[in-house]
Amino acid sequence: TFLPVLTLSLPSVLGLYFWLDFIRASVSEQKTIVDKHNNLRRGVQPTASNMLKMCISSSWTAPDLPVLAVRCYPTLPPRHLGCGENLYMASYKSSWSNVIQSWADEVKDFQYGPVNEPVFSFCAQVVWYRSNQISCAMAHCPNSNYKYFYVCHNCSP
């Protein structure tokens, strides 16, 4: 199984976007993404008794990667996916470990109770107990203020 990761350069021609470069994650990148999620999930406080182990989504292929990475701007994921979605935008290229850690670090903004700021939702996606499949993409967006756009879909069985 492989984890598709895109590096895209996406100029707009009459409002249409197209793919210029496509690469797959190396074995070490795949391992980093899955291991980082699983390490963070193991460290959740209070601990979860029924947390599933994260693995690479074997059913996803390149055309199914998150559409918003192709467009280089955040949009809501298609409703039919049934997956959570995490976004990270930066003016510099970052490691997958740093990207995932930034989502997990949002736990500091969490407060128990009925209302939480939407920013906490990225952390929740990393540690959601039923999620056990992940698919991630990275786009290079040279014409954007944020040149690098990362997205992961976390899905349940």
C-alpha atoms as a PDB file:
ATOM      1  CA  THR A   1       0.000   0.000   0.000  1.00  0.00           C
ATOM      2  CA  PHE A   2       1.222   3.513  -0.722  1.00  0.00           C
ATOM      3  CA  LEU A   3       0.184   6.913   0.536  1.00  0.00           C
ATOM      4  CA  PRO A   4      -0.411   9.270  -2.338  1.00  0.00           C
ATOM      5  CA  VAL A   5       1.180  12.645  -1.708  1.00  0.00           C
ATOM      6  CA  LEU A   6       1.072  15.273  -4.402  1.00  0.00           C
ATOM      7  CA  THR A   7       3.428  18.043  -5.207  1.00  0.00           C
ATOM      8  CA  LEU A   8       1.535  20.218  -7.645  1.00  0.00           C
ATOM      9  CA  SER A   9       2.267  23.386  -9.513  1.00  0.00           C
ATOM     10  CA  LEU A  10      -1.058  24.846 -10.509  1.00  0.00           C
ATOM     11  CA  PRO A  11      -1.256  27.904 -12.727  1.00  0.00           C
ATOM     12  CA  SER A  12      -4.725  29.039 -13.675  1.00  0.00           C
ATOM     13  CA  VAL A  13      -5.639  29.349 -17.323  1.00  0.00           C
ATOM     14  CA  LEU A  14      -9.070  30.904 -17.812  1.00  0.00           C
ATOM     15  CA  GLY A  15      -9.996  29.736 -14.336  1.00  0.00           C
ATOM     16  CA  LEU A  16      -9.105  26.103 -15.017  1.00  0.00           C
ATOM     17  CA  TYR A  17      -6.552  24.293 -12.908  1.00  0.00           C
ATOM     18  CA  PHE A  18      -4.380  21.480 -14.188  1.00  0.00           C
ATOM     19  CA  TRP A  19      -1.721  19.107 -12.889  1.00  0.00           C
ATOM     20  CA  LEU A  20       1.917  19.702 -13.754  1.00  0.00           C
ATOM     21  CA  ASP A  21       3.813  17.430 -11.400  1.00  0.00           C
ATOM     22  CA  PHE A  22       2.768  14.366  -9.467  1.00  0.00           C
ATOM     23  CA  ILE A  23       4.850  12.336  -7.039  1.00  0.00           C
ATOM     24  CA  ARG A  24       4.029   9.698  -4.468  1.00  0.00           C
ATOM     25  CA  ALA A  25       5.218   9.771  -0.883  1.00  0.00           C
ATOM     26  CA  SER A  26       8.379   7.922  -0.176  1.00  0.00           C
ATOM     27  CA  VAL A  27       8.210   4.959   2.164  1.00  0.00           C
ATOM     28  CA  SER A  28       9.743   7.105   4.906  1.00  0.00           C
ATOM     29  CA  GLU A  29       7.090   9.843   4.420  1.00  0.00           C
ATOM     30  CA  GLN A  30       4.305   7.259   4.604  1.00  0.00           C
ATOM     31  CA  LYS A  31       5.796   5.896   7.802  1.00  0.00           C
ATOM     32  CA  THR A  32       6.178   9.403   9.261  1.00  0.00           C
ATOM     33  CA  ILE A  33       2.530  10.300   8.599  1.00  0.00           C
ATOM     34  CA  VAL A  34       1.122   7.102  10.084  1.00  0.00           C
ATOM     35  CA  ASP A  35       3.588   6.910  12.993  1.00  0.00           C
ATOM     36  CA  LYS A  36       3.061  10.555  13.943  1.00  0.00           C
ATOM     37  CA  HIS A  37      -0.714  10.072  14.047  1.00  0.00           C
ATOM     38  CA  ASN A  38      -0.436   6.872  16.080  1.00  0.00           C
ATOM     39  CA  ASN A  39       2.064   8.395  18.544  1.00  0.00           C
ATOM     40  CA  LEU A  40      -0.177  11.404  19.124  1.00  0.00           C
ATOM     41  CA  ARG A  41      -3.228   9.166  19.482  1.00  0.00           C
ATOM     42  CA  ARG A  42      -1.460   7.041  22.113  1.00  0.00           C
ATOM     43  CA  GLY A  43      -0.682  10.177  24.114  1.00  0.00           C
ATOM     44  CA  VAL A  44      -4.250  11.478  24.372  1.00  0.00           C
ATOM     45  CA  GLN A  45      -5.324  12.491  27.888  1.00  0.00           C
ATOM     46  CA  PRO A  46      -7.510  11.091  29.196  1.00  0.00           C
ATOM     47  CA  THR A  47      -6.502   7.895  27.430  1.00  0.00           C
ATOM     48  CA  ALA A  48      -8.924   6.223  25.055  1.00  0.00           C
ATOM     49  CA  SER A  49      -9.775   2.584  25.688  1.00  0.00           C
ATOM     50  CA  ASN A  50     -11.065   2.009  22.148  1.00  0.00           C
ATOM     51  CA  MET A  51      -8.722   4.088  19.939  1.00  0.00           C
ATOM     52  CA  LEU A  52      -8.161   2.453  16.547  1.00  0.00           C
ATOM     53  CA  LYS A  53      -4.670   2.277  15.056  1.00  0.00           C
ATOM     54  CA  MET A  54      -4.223   4.569  12.060  1.00  0.00           C
ATOM     55  CA  CYS A  55      -3.142   3.056   8.749  1.00  0.00           C
ATOM     56  CA  ILE A  56      -2.872   4.220   5.164  1.00  0.00           C
ATOM     57  CA  SER A  57      -6.135   4.205   3.263  1.00  0.00           C
ATOM     58  CA  SER A  58      -5.708   1.392   0.752  1.00  0.00           C
ATOM     59  CA  SER A  59      -8.832   2.287  -1.219  1.00  0.00           C
ATOM     60  CA  TRP A  60      -7.697   5.768  -2.240  1.00  0.00           C
ATOM     61  CA  THR A  61      -5.914   6.363  -5.512  1.00  0.00           C
ATOM     62  CA  ALA A  62      -4.491   9.533  -7.016  1.00  0.00           C
ATOM     63  CA  PRO A  63      -7.746  10.836  -8.573  1.00  0.00           C
ATOM     64  CA  ASP A  64      -9.467  10.513  -5.190  1.00  0.00           C
ATOM     65  CA  LEU A  65      -7.013  12.736  -3.336  1.00  0.00           C
ATOM     66  CA  PRO A  66      -8.464  15.813  -1.667  1.00  0.00           C
ATOM     67  CA  VAL A  67      -9.778  18.093  -4.373  1.00  0.00           C
ATOM     68  CA  LEU A  68      -9.037  21.271  -2.467  1.00  0.00           C
ATOM     69  CA  ALA A  69      -5.296  20.622  -2.607  1.00  0.00           C
ATOM     70  CA  VAL A  70      -5.599  20.707  -6.383  1.00  0.00           C
ATOM     71  CA  ARG A  71      -7.314  24.099  -6.215  1.00  0.00           C
ATOM     72  CA  CYS A  72      -4.835  25.600  -3.710  1.00  0.00           C
ATOM     73  CA  TYR A  73      -7.550  27.079  -1.528  1.00  0.00           C
ATOM     74  CA  PRO A  74      -9.650  25.749   1.329  1.00  0.00           C
ATOM     75  CA  THR A  75     -13.142  24.486   0.605  1.00  0.00           C
ATOM     76  CA  LEU A  76     -15.426  22.123   2.429  1.00  0.00           C
ATOM     77  CA  PRO A  77     -14.890  18.434   1.656  1.00  0.00           C
ATOM     78  CA  PRO A  78     -17.562  16.636  -0.353  1.00  0.00           C
ATOM     79  CA  ARG A  79     -20.301  15.429   1.994  1.00  0.00           C
ATOM     80  CA  HIS A  80     -20.220  11.884   0.625  1.00  0.00           C
ATOM     81  CA  LEU A  81     -16.672  11.299   1.845  1.00  0.00           C
ATOM     82  CA  GLY A  82     -17.676  10.659   5.448  1.00  0.00           C
ATOM     83  CA  CYS A  83     -14.164  11.659   6.475  1.00  0.00           C
ATOM     84  CA  GLY A  84     -12.665  14.371   8.611  1.00  0.00           C
ATOM     85  CA  GLU A  85     -10.343  16.820   6.949  1.00  0.00           C
ATOM     86  CA  ASN A  86      -7.295  18.736   8.177  1.00  0.00           C
ATOM     87  CA  LEU A  87      -5.716  21.694   6.390  1.00  0.00           C
ATOM     88  CA  TYR A  88      -2.336  23.373   6.745  1.00  0.00           C
ATOM     89  CA  MET A  89      -1.052  26.265   4.648  1.00  0.00           C
ATOM     90  CA  ALA A  90       2.444  27.749   4.822  1.00  0.00           C
ATOM     91  CA  SER A  91       4.698  30.094   2.878  1.00  0.00           C
ATOM     92  CA  TYR A  92       7.487  27.507   3.224  1.00  0.00           C
ATOM     93  CA  LYS A  93       7.738  23.759   2.756  1.00  0.00           C
ATOM     94  CA  SER A  94       7.278  21.917   6.039  1.00  0.00           C
ATOM     95  CA  SER A  95       7.787  18.316   7.095  1.00  0.00           C
ATOM     96  CA  TRP A  96       4.744  16.084   7.504  1.00  0.00           C
ATOM     97  CA  SER A  97       5.712  15.608  11.143  1.00  0.00           C
ATOM     98  CA  ASN A  98       5.549  19.374  11.754  1.00  0.00           C
ATOM     99  CA  VAL A  99       2.261  19.693   9.872  1.00  0.00           C
ATOM    100  CA  ILE A 100       0.595  16.940  11.906  1.00  0.00           C
ATOM    101  CA  GLN A 101       2.079  18.259  15.156  1.00  0.00           C
ATOM    102  CA  SER A 102       0.602  21.699  14.446  1.00  0.00           C
ATOM    103  CA  TRP A 103      -2.855  20.124  14.252  1.00  0.00           C
ATOM    104  CA  ALA A 104      -2.319  18.239  17.506  1.00  0.00           C
ATOM    105  CA  ASP A 105      -1.007  21.365  19.248  1.00  0.00           C
ATOM    106  CA  GLU A 106      -4.450  22.922  18.903  1.00  0.00           C
ATOM    107  CA  VAL A 107      -5.435  20.884  21.966  1.00  0.00           C
ATOM    108  CA  LYS A 108      -4.221  23.846  24.032  1.00  0.00           C
ATOM    109  CA  ASP A 109      -7.243  25.777  22.687  1.00  0.00           C
ATOM    110  CA  PHE A 110      -9.693  23.091  23.814  1.00  0.00           C
ATOM    111  CA  GLN A 111     -12.000  23.627  26.764  1.00  0.00           C
ATOM    112  CA  TYR A 112     -14.455  21.033  28.003  1.00  0.00           C
ATOM    113  CA  GLY A 113     -18.029  22.109  27.466  1.00  0.00           C
ATOM    114  CA  PRO A 114     -20.581  22.501  24.698  1.00  0.00           C
ATOM    115  CA  VAL A 115     -18.824  25.184  22.620  1.00  0.00           C
ATOM    116  CA  ASN A 116     -15.332  25.084  21.141  1.00  0.00           C
ATOM    117  CA  GLU A 117     -13.724  27.262  18.538  1.00  0.00           C
ATOM    118  CA  PRO A 118     -13.595  25.612  15.085  1.00  0.00           C
ATOM    119  CA  VAL A 119      -9.775  25.626  15.207  1.00  0.00           C
ATOM    120  CA  PHE A 120      -9.857  22.697  17.625  1.00  0.00           C
ATOM    121  CA  SER A 121     -11.458  20.506  14.967  1.00  0.00           C
ATOM    122  CA  PHE A 122      -8.046  19.788  13.395  1.00  0.00           C
ATOM    123  CA  CYS A 123      -6.790  18.328  16.659  1.00  0.00           C
ATOM    124  CA  ALA A 124     -10.004  16.335  17.013  1.00  0.00           C
ATOM    125  CA  GLN A 125      -9.451  14.771  13.591  1.00  0.00           C
ATOM    126  CA  VAL A 126      -5.973  13.566  14.573  1.00  0.00           C
ATOM    127  CA  VAL A 127      -7.204  11.854  17.748  1.00  0.00           C
ATOM    128  CA  TRP A 128     -10.767  10.824  16.809  1.00  0.00           C
ATOM    129  CA  TYR A 129     -11.009   7.269  18.171  1.00  0.00           C
ATOM    130  CA  ARG A 130     -12.892   5.746  15.202  1.00  0.00           C
ATOM    131  CA  SER A 131     -10.634   7.094  12.467  1.00  0.00           C
ATOM    132  CA  ASN A 132      -8.222   4.453  11.265  1.00  0.00           C
ATOM    133  CA  GLN A 133      -7.510   5.306   7.616  1.00  0.00           C
ATOM    134  CA  ILE A 134      -5.610   8.304   6.303  1.00  0.00           C
ATOM    135  CA  SER A 135      -4.915   9.842   2.918  1.00  0.00           C
ATOM    136  CA  CYS A 136      -2.873  13.036   2.533  1.00  0.00           C
ATOM    137  CA  ALA A 137      -1.834  15.420  -0.233  1.00  0.00           C
ATOM    138  CA  MET A 138       0.471  18.395  -0.582  1.00  0.00           C
ATOM    139  CA  ALA A 139       0.184  21.043  -3.277  1.00  0.00           C
ATOM    140  CA  HIS A 140       2.750  23.630  -4.303  1.00  0.00           C
ATOM    141  CA  CYS A 141       0.839  26.828  -5.091  1.00  0.00           C
ATOM    142  CA  PRO A 142       3.369  29.322  -6.498  1.00  0.00           C
ATOM    143  CA  ASN A 143       0.808  32.086  -7.135  1.00  0.00           C
ATOM    144  CA  SER A 144      -0.620  32.004  -3.617  1.00  0.00           C
ATOM    145  CA  ASN A 145       0.444  33.821  -0.448  1.00  0.00           C
ATOM    146  CA  TYR A 146       0.724  30.366   1.082  1.00  0.00           C
ATOM    147  CA  LYS A 147       2.956  28.439  -1.310  1.00  0.00           C
ATOM    148  CA  TYR A 148       2.422  25.027   0.303  1.00  0.00           C
ATOM    149  CA  PHE A 149      -0.960  23.519   1.021  1.00  0.00           C
ATOM    150  CA  TYR A 150      -1.304  20.273   2.998  1.00  0.00           C
ATOM    151  CA  VAL A 151      -4.472  18.272   3.514  1.00  0.00           C
ATOM    152  CA  CYS A 152      -5.295  14.937   5.156  1.00  0.00           C
ATOM    153  CA  HIS A 153      -8.529  12.991   5.194  1.00  0.00           C
ATOM    154  CA  ASN A 154      -9.064  10.838   8.283  1.00  0.00           C
ATOM    155  CA  CYS A 155     -11.715   8.188   7.704  1.00  0.00           C
ATOM    156  CA  SER A 156     -13.536   5.601   9.775  1.00  0.00           C
ATOM    157  CA  PRO A 157     -13.942   1.953   8.815  1.00  0.00           C
END
